[in-house]
Amino acid sequence: MTRLILATRNTKKVAELRAILADAALPHDLVGADAYPEVPDVRETGVTFAENALLKARSLARATGHPAIADDSGLCVDVLGGAPGIFSARWAGAHGDDRANLNLLLAQLSDIDEPHRAAHFACAAALALPDGTEHVVEGRLEGTLRHAPSGTGGFGYDPILQPAGETRTCAELTPDEKNSISHRGKAFRALVPVLRELLG
């Protein structure tokens, strides 16, 4: 069984991606970067989701000798010109402070009415092999932003993005419902045929 390393130490993200890839019945052992504590985290110095995803996957593949998958994703708000974008996880300053990021964004949009609250989640997923082979795919989830958080599922900005055609936020969807429409789900499902072709 080929070991696939997911370039994240976010246990929720590892679980989400395990579920997505399990649906594809791929014969791979998927582990998070926590399985390699000696490998340092990569600085995300790219200016696009694709560049950052490739930086992380490439670094982990080189360091471990195993194929690595990484994603970079975030929330892009139309009225903010696509921000927070690649800065989504550190919008309020500290990396990964979901509550602070969410509160700051809601404050910035407090006087923006519904017709102008369009936003989308974007995800770039990258596969890097130790031999230098690389592949990147992307996925999007269109929606609108609520004025207040709703729901306890998911993470990040899930409690305020209401997907197009839905009455619930991403945080109110079941994990299966979310995975079926999410930006990350779309991107990682697009990687499945590539994994099959390159890894068997």
N, C-alpha and C. Protein backbone atom coordinates (compact mmCIF):
# COMPACT_ATOMS: atom_id res chain seq x y z
N MET A 1 0.84 -1.19 0.00
CA MET A 1 0.00 0.00 0.00
C MET A 1 0.88 1.25 0.00
N THR A 2 0.62 2.15 -0.94
CA THR A 2 1.39 3.38 -1.02
C THR A 2 1.00 4.34 0.08
N ARG A 3 1.99 4.88 0.78
CA ARG A 3 1.70 5.89 1.80
C ARG A 3 1.60 7.25 1.13
N LEU A 4 0.51 7.94 1.43
CA LEU A 4 0.29 9.30 0.95
C LEU A 4 0.32 10.20 2.17
N ILE A 5 1.10 11.26 2.12
CA ILE A 5 1.19 12.16 3.26
C ILE A 5 0.44 13.44 2.94
N LEU A 6 -0.43 13.81 3.85
CA LEU A 6 -1.18 15.04 3.71
C LEU A 6 -0.46 16.14 4.47
N ALA A 7 -0.09 17.19 3.76
CA ALA A 7 0.75 18.24 4.34
C ALA A 7 -0.05 19.19 5.22
N THR A 8 -0.58 18.67 6.31
CA THR A 8 -1.26 19.49 7.30
C THR A 8 -1.18 18.81 8.66
N ARG A 9 -1.21 19.62 9.71
CA ARG A 9 -1.29 19.09 11.07
C ARG A 9 -2.68 19.36 11.65
N ASN A 10 -3.59 19.81 10.78
CA ASN A 10 -4.98 20.07 11.17
C ASN A 10 -5.75 18.75 11.13
N THR A 11 -6.08 18.21 12.30
CA THR A 11 -6.71 16.88 12.36
C THR A 11 -8.08 16.87 11.70
N LYS A 12 -8.80 18.00 11.76
CA LYS A 12 -10.12 18.07 11.11
C LYS A 12 -9.97 17.96 9.59
N LYS A 13 -8.94 18.60 9.07
CA LYS A 13 -8.72 18.55 7.62
C LYS A 13 -8.30 17.14 7.20
N VAL A 14 -7.45 16.48 7.99
CA VAL A 14 -7.05 15.11 7.68
C VAL A 14 -8.28 14.20 7.65
N ALA A 15 -9.15 14.33 8.63
CA ALA A 15 -10.36 13.50 8.68
C ALA A 15 -11.26 13.77 7.48
N GLU A 16 -11.40 15.03 7.11
CA GLU A 16 -12.24 15.40 5.97
C GLU A 16 -11.69 14.80 4.69
N LEU A 17 -10.38 14.87 4.50
CA LEU A 17 -9.79 14.35 3.27
C LEU A 17 -9.77 12.83 3.25
N ARG A 18 -9.61 12.22 4.40
CA ARG A 18 -9.71 10.75 4.46
C ARG A 18 -11.09 10.31 3.97
N ALA A 19 -12.13 11.02 4.40
CA ALA A 19 -13.50 10.68 4.00
C ALA A 19 -13.69 10.86 2.50
N ILE A 20 -13.16 11.95 1.96
CA ILE A 20 -13.29 12.20 0.52
C ILE A 20 -12.59 11.12 -0.29
N LEU A 21 -11.36 10.78 0.12
CA LEU A 21 -10.59 9.79 -0.63
C LEU A 21 -11.12 8.37 -0.39
N ALA A 22 -11.73 8.14 0.77
CA ALA A 22 -12.31 6.82 1.05
C ALA A 22 -13.43 6.52 0.07
N ASP A 23 -14.20 7.55 -0.28
CA ASP A 23 -15.29 7.37 -1.24
C ASP A 23 -14.77 6.91 -2.60
N ALA A 24 -13.52 7.25 -2.91
CA ALA A 24 -12.93 6.85 -4.18
C ALA A 24 -12.30 5.48 -4.11
N ALA A 25 -12.29 4.87 -2.92
CA ALA A 25 -11.75 3.52 -2.72
C ALA A 25 -10.31 3.38 -3.23
N LEU A 26 -9.50 4.38 -2.94
CA LEU A 26 -8.09 4.31 -3.33
C LEU A 26 -7.31 3.47 -2.32
N PRO A 27 -6.42 2.63 -2.79
CA PRO A 27 -5.68 1.74 -1.89
C PRO A 27 -4.44 2.40 -1.30
N HIS A 28 -4.63 3.56 -0.68
CA HIS A 28 -3.50 4.28 -0.14
C HIS A 28 -3.66 4.52 1.36
N ASP A 29 -2.53 4.52 2.05
CA ASP A 29 -2.50 4.81 3.48
C ASP A 29 -2.28 6.31 3.64
N LEU A 30 -3.32 7.02 4.07
CA LEU A 30 -3.25 8.47 4.18
C LEU A 30 -2.93 8.88 5.61
N VAL A 31 -1.83 9.61 5.78
CA VAL A 31 -1.44 10.10 7.10
C VAL A 31 -1.19 11.60 7.03
N GLY A 32 -1.35 12.27 8.15
CA GLY A 32 -1.06 13.69 8.23
C GLY A 32 0.41 13.95 8.49
N ALA A 33 0.79 15.22 8.42
CA ALA A 33 2.19 15.59 8.65
C ALA A 33 2.64 15.32 10.07
N ASP A 34 1.68 15.12 10.98
CA ASP A 34 2.04 14.78 12.36
C ASP A 34 2.82 13.48 12.45
N ALA A 35 2.68 12.62 11.44
CA ALA A 35 3.43 11.37 11.42
C ALA A 35 4.93 11.63 11.22
N TYR A 36 5.28 12.86 10.86
CA TYR A 36 6.68 13.24 10.62
C TYR A 36 6.99 14.52 11.39
N PRO A 37 7.00 14.44 12.72
CA PRO A 37 7.19 15.66 13.53
C PRO A 37 8.55 16.33 13.31
N GLU A 38 9.51 15.57 12.79
CA GLU A 38 10.84 16.14 12.58
C GLU A 38 10.90 17.03 11.33
N VAL A 39 9.88 16.92 10.47
CA VAL A 39 9.86 17.73 9.25
C VAL A 39 9.23 19.10 9.57
N PRO A 40 9.97 20.19 9.38
CA PRO A 40 9.43 21.51 9.72
C PRO A 40 8.31 21.93 8.78
N ASP A 41 7.43 22.77 9.30
CA ASP A 41 6.37 23.33 8.46
C ASP A 41 6.99 24.27 7.43
N VAL A 42 6.32 24.36 6.30
CA VAL A 42 6.82 25.20 5.20
C VAL A 42 6.20 26.59 5.28
N ARG A 43 7.00 27.59 5.08
CA ARG A 43 6.46 28.96 5.01
C ARG A 43 5.70 29.13 3.70
N GLU A 44 4.49 29.63 3.81
CA GLU A 44 3.65 29.81 2.63
C GLU A 44 3.95 31.17 2.01
N THR A 45 4.95 31.19 1.14
CA THR A 45 5.42 32.45 0.57
C THR A 45 4.85 32.72 -0.82
N GLY A 46 4.01 31.80 -1.32
CA GLY A 46 3.39 32.01 -2.63
C GLY A 46 2.34 33.10 -2.57
N VAL A 47 1.94 33.58 -3.74
CA VAL A 47 0.92 34.63 -3.80
C VAL A 47 -0.40 34.11 -4.37
N THR A 48 -0.45 32.78 -4.60
CA THR A 48 -1.70 32.15 -5.03
C THR A 48 -1.89 30.87 -4.21
N PHE A 49 -3.13 30.38 -4.19
CA PHE A 49 -3.41 29.11 -3.52
C PHE A 49 -2.57 27.99 -4.14
N ALA A 50 -2.47 27.97 -5.47
CA ALA A 50 -1.73 26.90 -6.16
C ALA A 50 -0.25 26.91 -5.78
N GLU A 51 0.36 28.09 -5.72
CA GLU A 51 1.78 28.18 -5.36
C GLU A 51 2.02 27.67 -3.95
N ASN A 52 1.16 28.05 -3.01
CA ASN A 52 1.34 27.61 -1.63
C ASN A 52 1.13 26.11 -1.47
N ALA A 53 0.13 25.57 -2.17
CA ALA A 53 -0.12 24.13 -2.10
C ALA A 53 1.09 23.35 -2.63
N LEU A 54 1.66 23.81 -3.74
CA LEU A 54 2.83 23.15 -4.31
C LEU A 54 4.05 23.24 -3.40
N LEU A 55 4.25 24.39 -2.77
CA LEU A 55 5.38 24.55 -1.85
C LEU A 55 5.32 23.49 -0.75
N LYS A 56 4.13 23.31 -0.18
CA LYS A 56 3.97 22.37 0.93
C LYS A 56 4.11 20.92 0.47
N ALA A 57 3.47 20.56 -0.64
CA ALA A 57 3.54 19.18 -1.12
C ALA A 57 4.96 18.82 -1.54
N ARG A 58 5.60 19.71 -2.25
CA ARG A 58 6.96 19.48 -2.75
C ARG A 58 7.94 19.26 -1.59
N SER A 59 7.84 20.10 -0.57
CA SER A 59 8.74 20.01 0.56
C SER A 59 8.57 18.70 1.32
N LEU A 60 7.32 18.29 1.54
CA LEU A 60 7.07 17.06 2.29
C LEU A 60 7.48 15.82 1.50
N ALA A 61 7.25 15.84 0.19
CA ALA A 61 7.67 14.70 -0.65
C ALA A 61 9.18 14.53 -0.63
N ARG A 62 9.90 15.65 -0.70
CA ARG A 62 11.37 15.59 -0.67
C ARG A 62 11.88 15.10 0.69
N ALA A 63 11.26 15.59 1.75
CA ALA A 63 11.73 15.28 3.10
C ALA A 63 11.45 13.84 3.51
N THR A 64 10.36 13.25 3.00
CA THR A 64 9.95 11.92 3.46
C THR A 64 10.18 10.81 2.45
N GLY A 65 10.33 11.17 1.18
CA GLY A 65 10.46 10.15 0.14
C GLY A 65 9.14 9.50 -0.23
N HIS A 66 8.03 10.08 0.23
CA HIS A 66 6.69 9.57 -0.09
C HIS A 66 5.92 10.61 -0.90
N PRO A 67 4.94 10.17 -1.70
CA PRO A 67 4.07 11.14 -2.36
C PRO A 67 3.36 11.99 -1.32
N ALA A 68 3.20 13.26 -1.61
CA ALA A 68 2.56 14.17 -0.66
C ALA A 68 1.47 14.98 -1.35
N ILE A 69 0.41 15.20 -0.60
CA ILE A 69 -0.70 16.02 -1.07
C ILE A 69 -0.81 17.22 -0.13
N ALA A 70 -0.99 18.38 -0.71
CA ALA A 70 -1.20 19.58 0.10
C ALA A 70 -2.30 20.41 -0.54
N ASP A 71 -2.97 21.17 0.30
CA ASP A 71 -3.93 22.11 -0.26
C ASP A 71 -3.70 23.46 0.36
N ASP A 72 -4.13 24.46 -0.34
CA ASP A 72 -4.21 25.80 0.23
C ASP A 72 -5.58 26.31 -0.15
N SER A 73 -6.27 26.82 0.82
CA SER A 73 -7.64 27.22 0.56
C SER A 73 -7.98 28.44 1.39
N GLY A 74 -9.05 29.09 1.01
CA GLY A 74 -9.47 30.26 1.76
C GLY A 74 -10.77 30.81 1.24
N LEU A 75 -11.19 31.87 1.89
CA LEU A 75 -12.44 32.55 1.55
C LEU A 75 -12.11 33.79 0.73
N CYS A 76 -12.81 33.95 -0.39
CA CYS A 76 -12.62 35.10 -1.26
C CYS A 76 -13.93 35.89 -1.32
N VAL A 77 -13.91 37.11 -0.83
CA VAL A 77 -15.11 37.95 -0.75
C VAL A 77 -15.09 38.96 -1.89
N ASP A 78 -16.15 38.95 -2.70
CA ASP A 78 -16.19 39.81 -3.89
C ASP A 78 -15.96 41.28 -3.57
N VAL A 79 -16.70 41.80 -2.57
CA VAL A 79 -16.65 43.22 -2.27
C VAL A 79 -15.29 43.63 -1.67
N LEU A 80 -14.51 42.67 -1.22
CA LEU A 80 -13.16 42.94 -0.70
C LEU A 80 -12.09 42.64 -1.74
N GLY A 81 -12.51 42.50 -3.00
CA GLY A 81 -11.54 42.25 -4.07
C GLY A 81 -10.88 40.89 -3.99
N GLY A 82 -11.57 39.91 -3.39
CA GLY A 82 -11.02 38.56 -3.28
C GLY A 82 -10.35 38.28 -1.95
N ALA A 83 -10.23 39.26 -1.08
CA ALA A 83 -9.68 39.04 0.26
C ALA A 83 -10.75 38.35 1.12
N PRO A 84 -10.34 37.66 2.18
CA PRO A 84 -8.98 37.46 2.69
C PRO A 84 -8.08 36.59 1.80
N GLY A 85 -8.66 35.73 0.94
CA GLY A 85 -7.86 34.94 0.02
C GLY A 85 -6.80 34.11 0.70
N ILE A 86 -5.55 34.23 0.23
CA ILE A 86 -4.47 33.41 0.79
C ILE A 86 -4.14 33.77 2.24
N PHE A 87 -4.70 34.89 2.71
CA PHE A 87 -4.47 35.30 4.11
C PHE A 87 -5.61 34.88 5.03
N SER A 88 -6.51 34.02 4.55
CA SER A 88 -7.71 33.66 5.31
C SER A 88 -7.40 33.14 6.71
N ALA A 89 -6.40 32.28 6.84
CA ALA A 89 -6.11 31.65 8.14
C ALA A 89 -5.46 32.61 9.13
N ARG A 90 -4.95 33.74 8.64
CA ARG A 90 -4.30 34.71 9.53
C ARG A 90 -4.84 36.13 9.31
N TRP A 91 -6.10 36.22 8.94
CA TRP A 91 -6.71 37.52 8.63
C TRP A 91 -6.66 38.47 9.82
N ALA A 92 -6.85 37.93 11.02
CA ALA A 92 -6.84 38.77 12.22
C ALA A 92 -5.46 38.87 12.86
N GLY A 93 -4.46 38.27 12.24
CA GLY A 93 -3.09 38.36 12.75
C GLY A 93 -2.48 37.03 13.12
N ALA A 94 -3.09 36.33 14.07
CA ALA A 94 -2.54 35.04 14.51
C ALA A 94 -3.04 33.92 13.60
N HIS A 95 -2.15 33.07 13.15
CA HIS A 95 -2.52 31.98 12.25
C HIS A 95 -3.45 31.00 12.95
N GLY A 96 -4.57 30.70 12.30
CA GLY A 96 -5.46 29.65 12.79
C GLY A 96 -6.42 30.06 13.89
N ASP A 97 -6.56 31.36 14.18
CA ASP A 97 -7.52 31.80 15.20
C ASP A 97 -8.87 32.03 14.50
N ASP A 98 -9.62 30.93 14.35
CA ASP A 98 -10.86 30.97 13.57
C ASP A 98 -11.83 32.04 14.06
N ARG A 99 -12.01 32.11 15.38
CA ARG A 99 -12.99 33.06 15.93
C ARG A 99 -12.59 34.50 15.65
N ALA A 100 -11.32 34.83 15.85
CA ALA A 100 -10.85 36.20 15.60
C ALA A 100 -10.96 36.56 14.12
N ASN A 101 -10.60 35.62 13.25
CA ASN A 101 -10.69 35.86 11.80
C ASN A 101 -12.14 36.13 11.39
N LEU A 102 -13.04 35.30 11.90
CA LEU A 102 -14.45 35.42 11.56
C LEU A 102 -15.03 36.74 12.07
N ASN A 103 -14.71 37.08 13.31
CA ASN A 103 -15.23 38.31 13.90
C ASN A 103 -14.73 39.55 13.15
N LEU A 104 -13.46 39.53 12.77
CA LEU A 104 -12.91 40.68 12.04
C LEU A 104 -13.60 40.83 10.69
N LEU A 105 -13.75 39.72 9.98
CA LEU A 105 -14.39 39.79 8.66
C LEU A 105 -15.83 40.29 8.77
N LEU A 106 -16.58 39.78 9.75
CA LEU A 106 -17.96 40.23 9.93
C LEU A 106 -18.01 41.73 10.25
N ALA A 107 -17.07 42.21 11.04
CA ALA A 107 -17.01 43.64 11.36
C ALA A 107 -16.73 44.46 10.11
N GLN A 108 -15.84 43.96 9.26
CA GLN A 108 -15.50 44.68 8.03
C GLN A 108 -16.67 44.74 7.06
N LEU A 109 -17.56 43.76 7.15
CA LEU A 109 -18.71 43.68 6.23
C LEU A 109 -20.02 44.10 6.88
N SER A 110 -19.96 44.68 8.05
CA SER A 110 -21.18 44.94 8.83
C SER A 110 -22.18 45.83 8.10
N ASP A 111 -21.71 46.76 7.25
CA ASP A 111 -22.63 47.66 6.56
C ASP A 111 -22.88 47.26 5.11
N ILE A 112 -22.50 46.02 4.77
CA ILE A 112 -22.70 45.52 3.40
C ILE A 112 -24.00 44.72 3.34
N ASP A 113 -24.91 45.12 2.46
CA ASP A 113 -26.20 44.44 2.35
C ASP A 113 -26.10 43.14 1.56
N GLU A 114 -27.14 42.28 1.71
CA GLU A 114 -27.15 40.95 1.11
C GLU A 114 -26.76 40.90 -0.38
N PRO A 115 -27.28 41.79 -1.22
CA PRO A 115 -26.94 41.67 -2.65
C PRO A 115 -25.45 41.76 -2.94
N HIS A 116 -24.68 42.29 -1.98
CA HIS A 116 -23.25 42.50 -2.21
C HIS A 116 -22.37 41.62 -1.31
N ARG A 117 -22.97 40.56 -0.76
CA ARG A 117 -22.21 39.70 0.16
C ARG A 117 -21.78 38.38 -0.51
N ALA A 118 -21.63 38.40 -1.82
CA ALA A 118 -21.19 37.20 -2.54
C ALA A 118 -19.75 36.85 -2.16
N ALA A 119 -19.49 35.56 -2.05
CA ALA A 119 -18.15 35.09 -1.71
C ALA A 119 -18.02 33.65 -2.18
N HIS A 120 -16.81 33.16 -2.20
CA HIS A 120 -16.62 31.74 -2.50
C HIS A 120 -15.41 31.21 -1.74
N PHE A 121 -15.49 29.93 -1.42
CA PHE A 121 -14.32 29.22 -0.91
C PHE A 121 -13.54 28.72 -2.12
N ALA A 122 -12.23 28.87 -2.10
CA ALA A 122 -11.37 28.37 -3.17
C ALA A 122 -10.35 27.41 -2.58
N CYS A 123 -10.02 26.39 -3.34
CA CYS A 123 -9.02 25.41 -2.89
C CYS A 123 -8.16 24.98 -4.06
N ALA A 124 -6.86 24.98 -3.85
CA ALA A 124 -5.92 24.36 -4.78
C ALA A 124 -5.32 23.15 -4.08
N ALA A 125 -5.39 22.01 -4.73
CA ALA A 125 -4.81 20.77 -4.18
C ALA A 125 -3.65 20.35 -5.06
N ALA A 126 -2.53 20.07 -4.42
CA ALA A 126 -1.32 19.71 -5.16
C ALA A 126 -0.83 18.33 -4.76
N LEU A 127 -0.38 17.57 -5.74
CA LEU A 127 0.26 16.28 -5.51
C LEU A 127 1.70 16.41 -5.97
N ALA A 128 2.63 16.02 -5.11
CA ALA A 128 4.05 16.03 -5.48
C ALA A 128 4.64 14.67 -5.19
N LEU A 129 5.38 14.12 -6.14
CA LEU A 129 6.06 12.84 -5.96
C LEU A 129 7.54 13.10 -5.71
N PRO A 130 8.22 12.17 -5.03
CA PRO A 130 9.65 12.36 -4.76
C PRO A 130 10.49 12.52 -6.02
N ASP A 131 10.00 12.01 -7.18
CA ASP A 131 10.78 12.14 -8.41
C ASP A 131 10.60 13.48 -9.10
N GLY A 132 9.82 14.38 -8.48
CA GLY A 132 9.65 15.72 -9.05
C GLY A 132 8.36 15.91 -9.83
N THR A 133 7.61 14.82 -10.06
CA THR A 133 6.32 14.94 -10.74
C THR A 133 5.35 15.74 -9.87
N GLU A 134 4.65 16.69 -10.48
CA GLU A 134 3.72 17.55 -9.73
C GLU A 134 2.44 17.75 -10.53
N HIS A 135 1.35 17.93 -9.80
CA HIS A 135 0.05 18.18 -10.44
C HIS A 135 -0.80 19.02 -9.49
N VAL A 136 -1.50 20.02 -10.03
CA VAL A 136 -2.35 20.89 -9.22
C VAL A 136 -3.75 20.95 -9.84
N VAL A 137 -4.77 20.88 -8.99
CA VAL A 137 -6.15 21.05 -9.42
C VAL A 137 -6.82 22.05 -8.48
N GLU A 138 -7.96 22.59 -8.91
CA GLU A 138 -8.63 23.59 -8.09
C GLU A 138 -10.13 23.32 -8.00
N GLY A 139 -10.73 23.82 -6.92
CA GLY A 139 -12.17 23.68 -6.73
C GLY A 139 -12.72 24.93 -6.06
N ARG A 140 -14.02 25.20 -6.30
CA ARG A 140 -14.66 26.39 -5.72
C ARG A 140 -16.03 26.03 -5.17
N LEU A 141 -16.44 26.76 -4.15
CA LEU A 141 -17.80 26.67 -3.62
C LEU A 141 -18.35 28.08 -3.52
N GLU A 142 -19.32 28.40 -4.38
CA GLU A 142 -19.91 29.73 -4.41
C GLU A 142 -20.97 29.88 -3.33
N GLY A 143 -21.14 31.09 -2.82
CA GLY A 143 -22.17 31.32 -1.82
C GLY A 143 -22.29 32.78 -1.44
N THR A 144 -22.95 33.03 -0.32
CA THR A 144 -23.08 34.37 0.23
C THR A 144 -22.75 34.32 1.72
N LEU A 145 -22.41 35.47 2.25
CA LEU A 145 -22.00 35.53 3.66
C LEU A 145 -23.15 35.98 4.55
N ARG A 146 -23.37 35.24 5.62
CA ARG A 146 -24.35 35.61 6.64
C ARG A 146 -23.80 36.78 7.46
N HIS A 147 -24.71 37.44 8.20
CA HIS A 147 -24.31 38.54 9.08
C HIS A 147 -23.83 38.03 10.43
N ALA A 148 -24.15 36.77 10.75
CA ALA A 148 -23.74 36.18 12.04
C ALA A 148 -23.48 34.69 11.84
N PRO A 149 -22.58 34.11 12.62
CA PRO A 149 -22.28 32.67 12.49
C PRO A 149 -23.49 31.81 12.82
N SER A 150 -23.57 30.67 12.16
CA SER A 150 -24.63 29.70 12.44
C SER A 150 -24.10 28.29 12.19
N GLY A 151 -24.29 27.41 13.19
CA GLY A 151 -23.84 26.02 13.05
C GLY A 151 -22.56 25.76 13.82
N THR A 152 -22.34 24.51 14.14
CA THR A 152 -21.18 24.13 14.95
C THR A 152 -20.23 23.18 14.24
N GLY A 153 -20.56 22.79 13.01
CA GLY A 153 -19.70 21.86 12.28
C GLY A 153 -18.60 22.59 11.53
N GLY A 154 -17.73 21.81 10.89
CA GLY A 154 -16.69 22.39 10.07
C GLY A 154 -15.69 23.21 10.86
N PHE A 155 -15.05 24.15 10.19
CA PHE A 155 -14.04 25.00 10.82
C PHE A 155 -13.84 26.23 9.95
N GLY A 156 -13.00 27.14 10.41
CA GLY A 156 -12.71 28.34 9.64
C GLY A 156 -13.95 29.22 9.46
N TYR A 157 -14.23 29.57 8.22
CA TYR A 157 -15.34 30.46 7.91
C TYR A 157 -16.64 29.71 7.60
N ASP A 158 -16.65 28.41 7.84
CA ASP A 158 -17.85 27.60 7.55
C ASP A 158 -19.14 28.17 8.17
N PRO A 159 -19.09 28.73 9.41
CA PRO A 159 -20.34 29.20 10.02
C PRO A 159 -20.96 30.43 9.35
N ILE A 160 -20.26 31.09 8.43
CA ILE A 160 -20.86 32.28 7.80
C ILE A 160 -21.07 32.14 6.30
N LEU A 161 -20.54 31.10 5.66
CA LEU A 161 -20.78 30.95 4.22
C LEU A 161 -21.98 30.06 3.98
N GLN A 162 -22.97 30.61 3.30
CA GLN A 162 -24.16 29.85 2.90
C GLN A 162 -24.01 29.51 1.42
N PRO A 163 -23.82 28.22 1.10
CA PRO A 163 -23.62 27.83 -0.30
C PRO A 163 -24.80 28.22 -1.17
N ALA A 164 -24.54 28.52 -2.42
CA ALA A 164 -25.60 28.85 -3.38
C ALA A 164 -26.60 27.70 -3.43
N GLY A 165 -27.88 28.04 -3.37
CA GLY A 165 -28.93 27.03 -3.42
C GLY A 165 -29.25 26.38 -2.09
N GLU A 166 -28.55 26.79 -1.04
CA GLU A 166 -28.75 26.22 0.31
C GLU A 166 -29.41 27.25 1.22
N THR A 167 -30.05 26.76 2.27
CA THR A 167 -30.60 27.65 3.30
C THR A 167 -29.76 27.58 4.57
N ARG A 168 -28.78 26.66 4.58
CA ARG A 168 -27.92 26.47 5.75
C ARG A 168 -26.49 26.92 5.43
N THR A 169 -25.73 27.19 6.47
CA THR A 169 -24.31 27.49 6.28
C THR A 169 -23.55 26.17 6.14
N CYS A 170 -22.29 26.28 5.75
CA CYS A 170 -21.44 25.09 5.66
C CYS A 170 -21.32 24.40 7.02
N ALA A 171 -21.38 25.19 8.09
CA ALA A 171 -21.25 24.63 9.44
C ALA A 171 -22.51 23.92 9.90
N GLU A 172 -23.61 24.07 9.16
CA GLU A 172 -24.86 23.39 9.50
C GLU A 172 -25.08 22.13 8.66
N LEU A 173 -24.23 21.92 7.68
CA LEU A 173 -24.31 20.72 6.85
C LEU A 173 -23.68 19.54 7.57
N THR A 174 -24.11 18.33 7.24
CA THR A 174 -23.43 17.15 7.76
C THR A 174 -22.08 17.05 7.05
N PRO A 175 -21.12 16.32 7.63
CA PRO A 175 -19.83 16.17 6.94
C PRO A 175 -19.98 15.63 5.52
N ASP A 176 -20.87 14.65 5.33
CA ASP A 176 -21.07 14.10 3.97
C ASP A 176 -21.64 15.13 3.02
N GLU A 177 -22.61 15.92 3.52
CA GLU A 177 -23.19 16.97 2.67
C GLU A 177 -22.14 17.99 2.29
N LYS A 178 -21.35 18.39 3.26
CA LYS A 178 -20.32 19.39 3.00
C LYS A 178 -19.28 18.86 2.01
N ASN A 179 -18.81 17.64 2.23
CA ASN A 179 -17.79 17.07 1.35
C ASN A 179 -18.27 16.94 -0.09
N SER A 180 -19.58 16.74 -0.27
CA SER A 180 -20.11 16.53 -1.62
C SER A 180 -20.11 17.81 -2.45
N ILE A 181 -20.11 18.98 -1.79
CA ILE A 181 -20.18 20.24 -2.54
C ILE A 181 -18.99 21.16 -2.29
N SER A 182 -18.16 20.85 -1.30
CA SER A 182 -17.13 21.80 -0.88
C SER A 182 -16.03 22.00 -1.91
N HIS A 183 -15.40 23.15 -1.82
CA HIS A 183 -14.24 23.48 -2.64
C HIS A 183 -13.15 22.43 -2.49
N ARG A 184 -12.93 21.99 -1.24
CA ARG A 184 -11.89 21.00 -0.97
C ARG A 184 -12.30 19.65 -1.55
N GLY A 185 -13.57 19.30 -1.37
CA GLY A 185 -14.07 18.04 -1.94
C GLY A 185 -13.91 18.01 -3.45
N LYS A 186 -14.26 19.11 -4.11
CA LYS A 186 -14.15 19.18 -5.57
C LYS A 186 -12.69 19.04 -6.01
N ALA A 187 -11.81 19.75 -5.32
CA ALA A 187 -10.39 19.72 -5.71
C ALA A 187 -9.80 18.34 -5.49
N PHE A 188 -10.08 17.74 -4.33
CA PHE A 188 -9.48 16.44 -4.06
C PHE A 188 -10.09 15.32 -4.89
N ARG A 189 -11.37 15.42 -5.22
CA ARG A 189 -11.94 14.43 -6.13
C ARG A 189 -11.32 14.55 -7.52
N ALA A 190 -10.96 15.78 -7.91
CA ALA A 190 -10.29 15.97 -9.20
C ALA A 190 -8.89 15.38 -9.19
N LEU A 191 -8.31 15.20 -8.00
CA LEU A 191 -6.98 14.58 -7.90
C LEU A 191 -7.03 13.06 -8.02
N VAL A 192 -8.22 12.47 -7.77
CA VAL A 192 -8.33 11.00 -7.73
C VAL A 192 -7.83 10.34 -9.02
N PRO A 193 -8.30 10.79 -10.22
CA PRO A 193 -7.78 10.14 -11.43
C PRO A 193 -6.29 10.30 -11.61
N VAL A 194 -5.73 11.42 -11.12
CA VAL A 194 -4.29 11.63 -11.19
C VAL A 194 -3.56 10.66 -10.29
N LEU A 195 -4.11 10.46 -9.08
CA LEU A 195 -3.52 9.49 -8.15
C LEU A 195 -3.54 8.09 -8.74
N ARG A 196 -4.67 7.75 -9.36
CA ARG A 196 -4.78 6.41 -9.96
C ARG A 196 -3.76 6.23 -11.08
N GLU A 197 -3.60 7.28 -11.87
CA GLU A 197 -2.67 7.20 -13.03
C GLU A 197 -1.22 7.12 -12.56
N LEU A 198 -0.86 7.94 -11.57
CA LEU A 198 0.53 8.03 -11.16
C LEU A 198 0.94 6.99 -10.12
N LEU A 199 0.00 6.58 -9.27
CA LEU A 199 0.35 5.70 -8.17
C LEU A 199 -0.30 4.32 -8.27
N GLY A 200 -1.28 4.17 -9.15
CA GLY A 200 -1.95 2.88 -9.29
C GLY A 200 -3.08 2.71 -8.30
